[in-house]
Amino acid sequence: MAVARRRIPVDEGRAALAAWRAATDGAVPRATVATAVRFTLEEVTARAPGNSVEVRVPPFGVTQCVEGPRHTRGTPPNVIECDAATWLAMVTGSLAWADAVDAGKVAASGLRADLSRLLPF
């Protein structure tokens, strides 16, 4: 299995995530949010390499992760999609996966579309 290729330097990604966590008023620059989302998408891919689940956090990024069958064309059978605030809340542990799904903040389709074992980090 190939190792996920990093595009965001780890230190830069951790700093963006820390800045997002520290913002009590939600006023985080868009570039910081983008870096935090992209870094954490890379992190989930590093923790669960594969191509059976596509995680989408529009407009900032998308990744494929989790070992299993690979799709080759069209919409993959296992898709997770949410906004940046929900994604970052889940990866930081301020929002549980199940609570986000139950509240309709995460659209998850497919048998493998469950990241509860990987979040938070």
N, C-alpha and C. Protein backbone atom coordinates (compact mmCIF):
# COMPACT_ATOMS: atom_id res chain seq x y z
N MET A 1 0.85 -1.17 0.00
CA MET A 1 0.00 0.00 0.00
C MET A 1 0.89 1.24 0.00
N ALA A 2 0.63 2.16 -0.87
CA ALA A 2 1.42 3.38 -0.96
C ALA A 2 1.15 4.28 0.24
N VAL A 3 2.17 4.99 0.64
CA VAL A 3 2.06 5.94 1.74
C VAL A 3 1.47 7.23 1.18
N ALA A 4 0.58 7.85 1.95
CA ALA A 4 -0.03 9.10 1.52
C ALA A 4 1.04 10.17 1.32
N ARG A 5 0.95 10.86 0.21
CA ARG A 5 1.90 11.92 -0.08
C ARG A 5 1.43 13.21 0.59
N ARG A 6 2.28 13.79 1.39
CA ARG A 6 1.96 15.02 2.09
C ARG A 6 2.18 16.22 1.19
N ARG A 7 1.23 17.13 1.20
CA ARG A 7 1.37 18.40 0.50
C ARG A 7 1.46 19.54 1.49
N ILE A 8 0.88 19.34 2.66
CA ILE A 8 0.93 20.33 3.73
C ILE A 8 2.02 19.88 4.71
N PRO A 9 3.03 20.69 4.94
CA PRO A 9 4.04 20.32 5.95
C PRO A 9 3.37 20.09 7.31
N VAL A 10 3.79 19.06 8.02
CA VAL A 10 3.15 18.67 9.28
C VAL A 10 3.09 19.84 10.26
N ASP A 11 4.19 20.56 10.42
CA ASP A 11 4.20 21.69 11.36
C ASP A 11 3.20 22.76 10.96
N GLU A 12 3.10 23.03 9.67
CA GLU A 12 2.16 24.03 9.17
C GLU A 12 0.72 23.57 9.39
N GLY A 13 0.46 22.30 9.14
CA GLY A 13 -0.88 21.75 9.34
C GLY A 13 -1.30 21.77 10.80
N ARG A 14 -0.39 21.37 11.67
CA ARG A 14 -0.69 21.39 13.10
C ARG A 14 -0.93 22.81 13.60
N ALA A 15 -0.16 23.76 13.09
CA ALA A 15 -0.35 25.16 13.49
C ALA A 15 -1.71 25.69 13.03
N ALA A 16 -2.13 25.34 11.82
CA ALA A 16 -3.44 25.77 11.32
C ALA A 16 -4.56 25.14 12.15
N LEU A 17 -4.41 23.86 12.49
CA LEU A 17 -5.42 23.20 13.30
C LEU A 17 -5.47 23.81 14.70
N ALA A 18 -4.33 24.13 15.28
CA ALA A 18 -4.29 24.78 16.60
C ALA A 18 -4.94 26.16 16.54
N ALA A 19 -4.71 26.89 15.46
CA ALA A 19 -5.33 28.22 15.32
C ALA A 19 -6.84 28.09 15.21
N TRP A 20 -7.32 27.08 14.49
CA TRP A 20 -8.76 26.86 14.37
C TRP A 20 -9.35 26.52 15.74
N ARG A 21 -8.69 25.65 16.49
CA ARG A 21 -9.16 25.28 17.83
C ARG A 21 -9.20 26.48 18.77
N ALA A 22 -8.20 27.35 18.68
CA ALA A 22 -8.07 28.48 19.60
C ALA A 22 -9.06 29.60 19.32
N ALA A 23 -9.61 29.65 18.13
CA ALA A 23 -10.53 30.73 17.77
C ALA A 23 -11.86 30.52 18.47
N THR A 24 -12.13 31.32 19.47
CA THR A 24 -13.38 31.19 20.22
C THR A 24 -14.54 31.89 19.54
N ASP A 25 -14.24 32.84 18.67
CA ASP A 25 -15.30 33.58 18.00
C ASP A 25 -15.57 33.09 16.58
N GLY A 26 -14.87 32.04 16.16
CA GLY A 26 -15.06 31.48 14.83
C GLY A 26 -14.40 32.28 13.73
N ALA A 27 -13.72 33.36 14.10
CA ALA A 27 -13.06 34.22 13.09
C ALA A 27 -11.68 33.67 12.76
N VAL A 28 -11.66 32.73 11.86
CA VAL A 28 -10.41 32.12 11.42
C VAL A 28 -10.25 32.46 9.94
N PRO A 29 -9.09 32.94 9.54
CA PRO A 29 -8.90 33.24 8.12
C PRO A 29 -9.17 32.02 7.24
N ARG A 30 -9.75 32.26 6.09
CA ARG A 30 -10.11 31.19 5.16
C ARG A 30 -8.88 30.33 4.81
N ALA A 31 -7.74 30.96 4.63
CA ALA A 31 -6.52 30.21 4.30
C ALA A 31 -6.12 29.26 5.42
N THR A 32 -6.34 29.67 6.66
CA THR A 32 -6.03 28.81 7.81
C THR A 32 -6.97 27.62 7.85
N VAL A 33 -8.26 27.88 7.62
CA VAL A 33 -9.25 26.78 7.58
C VAL A 33 -8.88 25.81 6.46
N ALA A 34 -8.54 26.34 5.30
CA ALA A 34 -8.18 25.48 4.17
C ALA A 34 -6.98 24.60 4.50
N THR A 35 -5.98 25.19 5.12
CA THR A 35 -4.79 24.42 5.49
C THR A 35 -5.13 23.35 6.51
N ALA A 36 -5.93 23.71 7.52
CA ALA A 36 -6.32 22.74 8.55
C ALA A 36 -7.12 21.59 7.95
N VAL A 37 -8.05 21.89 7.06
CA VAL A 37 -8.85 20.83 6.43
C VAL A 37 -7.97 19.94 5.57
N ARG A 38 -7.15 20.52 4.73
CA ARG A 38 -6.31 19.72 3.83
C ARG A 38 -5.32 18.87 4.62
N PHE A 39 -4.75 19.44 5.66
CA PHE A 39 -3.83 18.68 6.51
C PHE A 39 -4.54 17.49 7.16
N THR A 40 -5.72 17.70 7.69
CA THR A 40 -6.42 16.62 8.38
C THR A 40 -6.95 15.57 7.40
N LEU A 41 -7.26 15.98 6.18
CA LEU A 41 -7.61 14.98 5.16
C LEU A 41 -6.39 14.12 4.83
N GLU A 42 -5.22 14.75 4.74
CA GLU A 42 -4.00 13.97 4.54
C GLU A 42 -3.75 13.03 5.72
N GLU A 43 -4.04 13.51 6.92
CA GLU A 43 -3.82 12.70 8.12
C GLU A 43 -4.74 11.49 8.15
N VAL A 44 -6.00 11.65 7.80
CA VAL A 44 -6.91 10.50 7.80
C VAL A 44 -6.47 9.49 6.75
N THR A 45 -5.95 9.96 5.63
CA THR A 45 -5.44 9.05 4.60
C THR A 45 -4.19 8.32 5.09
N ALA A 46 -3.35 9.02 5.83
CA ALA A 46 -2.16 8.37 6.38
C ALA A 46 -2.53 7.32 7.41
N ARG A 47 -3.59 7.56 8.18
CA ARG A 47 -4.02 6.62 9.21
C ARG A 47 -4.77 5.42 8.63
N ALA A 48 -5.45 5.63 7.51
CA ALA A 48 -6.23 4.56 6.89
C ALA A 48 -6.06 4.63 5.38
N PRO A 49 -4.88 4.22 4.89
CA PRO A 49 -4.65 4.29 3.45
C PRO A 49 -5.59 3.36 2.69
N GLY A 50 -5.94 3.77 1.51
CA GLY A 50 -6.81 2.97 0.66
C GLY A 50 -7.60 3.86 -0.27
N ASN A 51 -8.53 3.24 -0.98
CA ASN A 51 -9.31 3.98 -1.97
C ASN A 51 -10.79 3.62 -1.94
N SER A 52 -11.28 3.05 -0.86
CA SER A 52 -12.67 2.61 -0.88
C SER A 52 -13.65 3.65 -0.35
N VAL A 53 -13.16 4.70 0.31
CA VAL A 53 -14.03 5.75 0.84
C VAL A 53 -13.52 7.09 0.35
N GLU A 54 -14.43 7.91 -0.13
CA GLU A 54 -14.06 9.26 -0.52
C GLU A 54 -14.62 10.23 0.52
N VAL A 55 -13.74 11.07 1.07
CA VAL A 55 -14.14 12.07 2.06
C VAL A 55 -14.05 13.43 1.39
N ARG A 56 -15.18 14.13 1.37
CA ARG A 56 -15.27 15.43 0.70
C ARG A 56 -15.57 16.51 1.73
N VAL A 57 -14.76 17.57 1.71
CA VAL A 57 -14.98 18.73 2.56
C VAL A 57 -14.92 19.95 1.65
N PRO A 58 -16.03 20.20 0.92
CA PRO A 58 -16.01 21.30 -0.03
C PRO A 58 -16.00 22.65 0.69
N PRO A 59 -15.35 23.63 0.12
CA PRO A 59 -14.62 23.63 -1.15
C PRO A 59 -13.13 23.35 -0.97
N PHE A 60 -12.75 22.86 0.20
CA PHE A 60 -11.33 22.81 0.55
C PHE A 60 -10.58 21.55 0.12
N GLY A 61 -11.24 20.42 0.09
CA GLY A 61 -10.48 19.23 -0.28
C GLY A 61 -11.29 17.96 -0.31
N VAL A 62 -10.64 16.94 -0.84
CA VAL A 62 -11.21 15.61 -0.95
C VAL A 62 -10.06 14.61 -0.84
N THR A 63 -10.34 13.46 -0.29
CA THR A 63 -9.33 12.41 -0.22
C THR A 63 -10.01 11.06 -0.34
N GLN A 64 -9.23 10.08 -0.71
CA GLN A 64 -9.69 8.70 -0.68
C GLN A 64 -8.89 7.98 0.38
N CYS A 65 -9.58 7.15 1.15
CA CYS A 65 -8.93 6.44 2.24
C CYS A 65 -9.66 5.13 2.50
N VAL A 66 -9.22 4.39 3.45
CA VAL A 66 -9.78 3.12 3.93
C VAL A 66 -9.56 2.01 2.91
N GLU A 67 -8.91 1.00 3.37
CA GLU A 67 -8.61 -0.16 2.54
C GLU A 67 -9.90 -0.85 2.11
N GLY A 68 -9.90 -1.36 0.90
CA GLY A 68 -11.07 -2.08 0.38
C GLY A 68 -11.15 -1.92 -1.12
N PRO A 69 -12.31 -2.27 -1.67
CA PRO A 69 -12.47 -2.20 -3.13
C PRO A 69 -12.26 -0.78 -3.65
N ARG A 70 -11.61 -0.68 -4.76
CA ARG A 70 -11.33 0.62 -5.38
C ARG A 70 -12.34 0.88 -6.49
N HIS A 71 -12.87 2.10 -6.52
CA HIS A 71 -13.75 2.47 -7.64
C HIS A 71 -12.90 3.12 -8.72
N THR A 72 -13.36 3.03 -9.96
CA THR A 72 -12.56 3.58 -11.05
C THR A 72 -13.25 4.70 -11.81
N ARG A 73 -14.57 4.75 -11.82
CA ARG A 73 -15.27 5.81 -12.55
C ARG A 73 -16.54 6.20 -11.82
N GLY A 74 -16.93 7.44 -11.99
CA GLY A 74 -18.19 7.91 -11.43
C GLY A 74 -18.11 8.13 -9.93
N THR A 75 -19.26 8.24 -9.32
CA THR A 75 -19.34 8.45 -7.89
C THR A 75 -19.00 7.16 -7.16
N PRO A 76 -18.08 7.21 -6.22
CA PRO A 76 -17.71 5.99 -5.49
C PRO A 76 -18.87 5.51 -4.62
N PRO A 77 -18.88 4.22 -4.27
CA PRO A 77 -19.97 3.68 -3.46
C PRO A 77 -19.95 4.13 -2.00
N ASN A 78 -18.81 4.59 -1.52
CA ASN A 78 -18.69 5.02 -0.12
C ASN A 78 -18.23 6.48 -0.10
N VAL A 79 -19.14 7.37 0.25
CA VAL A 79 -18.85 8.80 0.23
C VAL A 79 -19.24 9.43 1.55
N ILE A 80 -18.37 10.29 2.04
CA ILE A 80 -18.63 11.08 3.24
C ILE A 80 -18.45 12.53 2.84
N GLU A 81 -19.42 13.37 3.21
CA GLU A 81 -19.31 14.79 2.87
C GLU A 81 -19.83 15.63 4.03
N CYS A 82 -19.09 16.69 4.32
CA CYS A 82 -19.52 17.64 5.35
C CYS A 82 -18.82 18.97 5.13
N ASP A 83 -19.25 19.99 5.85
CA ASP A 83 -18.59 21.28 5.73
C ASP A 83 -17.33 21.30 6.59
N ALA A 84 -16.53 22.34 6.41
CA ALA A 84 -15.24 22.43 7.08
C ALA A 84 -15.37 22.48 8.59
N ALA A 85 -16.32 23.25 9.10
CA ALA A 85 -16.48 23.37 10.56
C ALA A 85 -16.83 22.03 11.18
N THR A 86 -17.70 21.27 10.54
CA THR A 86 -18.08 19.95 11.05
C THR A 86 -16.88 19.01 11.01
N TRP A 87 -16.17 19.00 9.88
CA TRP A 87 -15.00 18.13 9.74
C TRP A 87 -13.96 18.43 10.83
N LEU A 88 -13.63 19.69 11.00
CA LEU A 88 -12.61 20.05 11.98
C LEU A 88 -13.09 19.77 13.41
N ALA A 89 -14.37 19.95 13.67
CA ALA A 89 -14.91 19.61 14.99
C ALA A 89 -14.78 18.11 15.26
N MET A 90 -15.02 17.29 14.24
CA MET A 90 -14.89 15.84 14.42
C MET A 90 -13.45 15.42 14.62
N VAL A 91 -12.53 15.98 13.83
CA VAL A 91 -11.14 15.54 13.96
C VAL A 91 -10.51 16.03 15.26
N THR A 92 -11.01 17.11 15.83
CA THR A 92 -10.47 17.62 17.08
C THR A 92 -11.17 17.04 18.30
N GLY A 93 -12.27 16.32 18.09
CA GLY A 93 -12.96 15.69 19.20
C GLY A 93 -14.03 16.54 19.86
N SER A 94 -14.32 17.71 19.31
CA SER A 94 -15.38 18.52 19.91
C SER A 94 -16.76 18.12 19.40
N LEU A 95 -16.81 17.25 18.41
CA LEU A 95 -18.06 16.70 17.90
C LEU A 95 -17.83 15.23 17.57
N ALA A 96 -18.63 14.37 18.13
CA ALA A 96 -18.51 12.93 17.87
C ALA A 96 -19.08 12.60 16.50
N TRP A 97 -18.48 11.61 15.85
CA TRP A 97 -18.93 11.15 14.54
C TRP A 97 -20.43 10.84 14.57
N ALA A 98 -20.85 10.03 15.52
CA ALA A 98 -22.26 9.61 15.59
C ALA A 98 -23.18 10.81 15.78
N ASP A 99 -22.79 11.75 16.60
CA ASP A 99 -23.61 12.94 16.82
C ASP A 99 -23.73 13.77 15.55
N ALA A 100 -22.64 13.91 14.82
CA ALA A 100 -22.65 14.67 13.56
C ALA A 100 -23.56 14.00 12.53
N VAL A 101 -23.48 12.68 12.43
CA VAL A 101 -24.33 11.94 11.49
C VAL A 101 -25.79 12.07 11.91
N ASP A 102 -26.06 11.85 13.20
CA ASP A 102 -27.44 11.94 13.70
C ASP A 102 -28.05 13.32 13.49
N ALA A 103 -27.23 14.35 13.59
CA ALA A 103 -27.70 15.73 13.42
C ALA A 103 -27.81 16.13 11.94
N GLY A 104 -27.42 15.25 11.05
CA GLY A 104 -27.48 15.56 9.63
C GLY A 104 -26.37 16.48 9.15
N LYS A 105 -25.32 16.60 9.95
CA LYS A 105 -24.19 17.46 9.56
C LYS A 105 -23.21 16.73 8.66
N VAL A 106 -23.34 15.41 8.58
CA VAL A 106 -22.48 14.59 7.74
C VAL A 106 -23.37 13.72 6.85
N ALA A 107 -23.11 13.75 5.57
CA ALA A 107 -23.77 12.83 4.65
C ALA A 107 -22.81 11.66 4.45
N ALA A 108 -23.24 10.47 4.83
CA ALA A 108 -22.39 9.28 4.71
C ALA A 108 -23.19 8.18 4.03
N SER A 109 -22.68 7.72 2.88
CA SER A 109 -23.36 6.65 2.17
C SER A 109 -22.38 5.53 1.86
N GLY A 110 -22.87 4.32 1.95
CA GLY A 110 -22.04 3.16 1.67
C GLY A 110 -21.70 2.39 2.93
N LEU A 111 -21.40 1.12 2.76
CA LEU A 111 -21.12 0.24 3.90
C LEU A 111 -19.85 0.61 4.64
N ARG A 112 -18.89 1.22 3.97
CA ARG A 112 -17.62 1.57 4.60
C ARG A 112 -17.54 3.03 5.04
N ALA A 113 -18.61 3.77 4.84
CA ALA A 113 -18.61 5.21 5.11
C ALA A 113 -18.85 5.51 6.59
N ASP A 114 -17.92 5.09 7.41
CA ASP A 114 -17.97 5.33 8.85
C ASP A 114 -16.55 5.55 9.34
N LEU A 115 -16.26 6.77 9.75
CA LEU A 115 -14.90 7.09 10.20
C LEU A 115 -14.78 7.13 11.71
N SER A 116 -15.76 6.61 12.42
CA SER A 116 -15.75 6.71 13.89
C SER A 116 -14.51 6.09 14.52
N ARG A 117 -13.94 5.07 13.90
CA ARG A 117 -12.75 4.44 14.47
C ARG A 117 -11.49 5.27 14.24
N LEU A 118 -11.55 6.24 13.33
CA LEU A 118 -10.39 7.06 13.00
C LEU A 118 -10.43 8.44 13.63
N LEU A 119 -11.56 8.85 14.14
CA LEU A 119 -11.73 10.20 14.68
C LEU A 119 -12.04 10.14 16.17
N PRO A 120 -11.63 11.08 16.96
CA PRO A 120 -10.76 12.22 16.63
C PRO A 120 -9.31 11.80 16.58
N PHE A 121 -8.46 12.74 16.18
CA PHE A 121 -7.02 12.52 16.23
C PHE A 121 -6.31 13.72 16.77
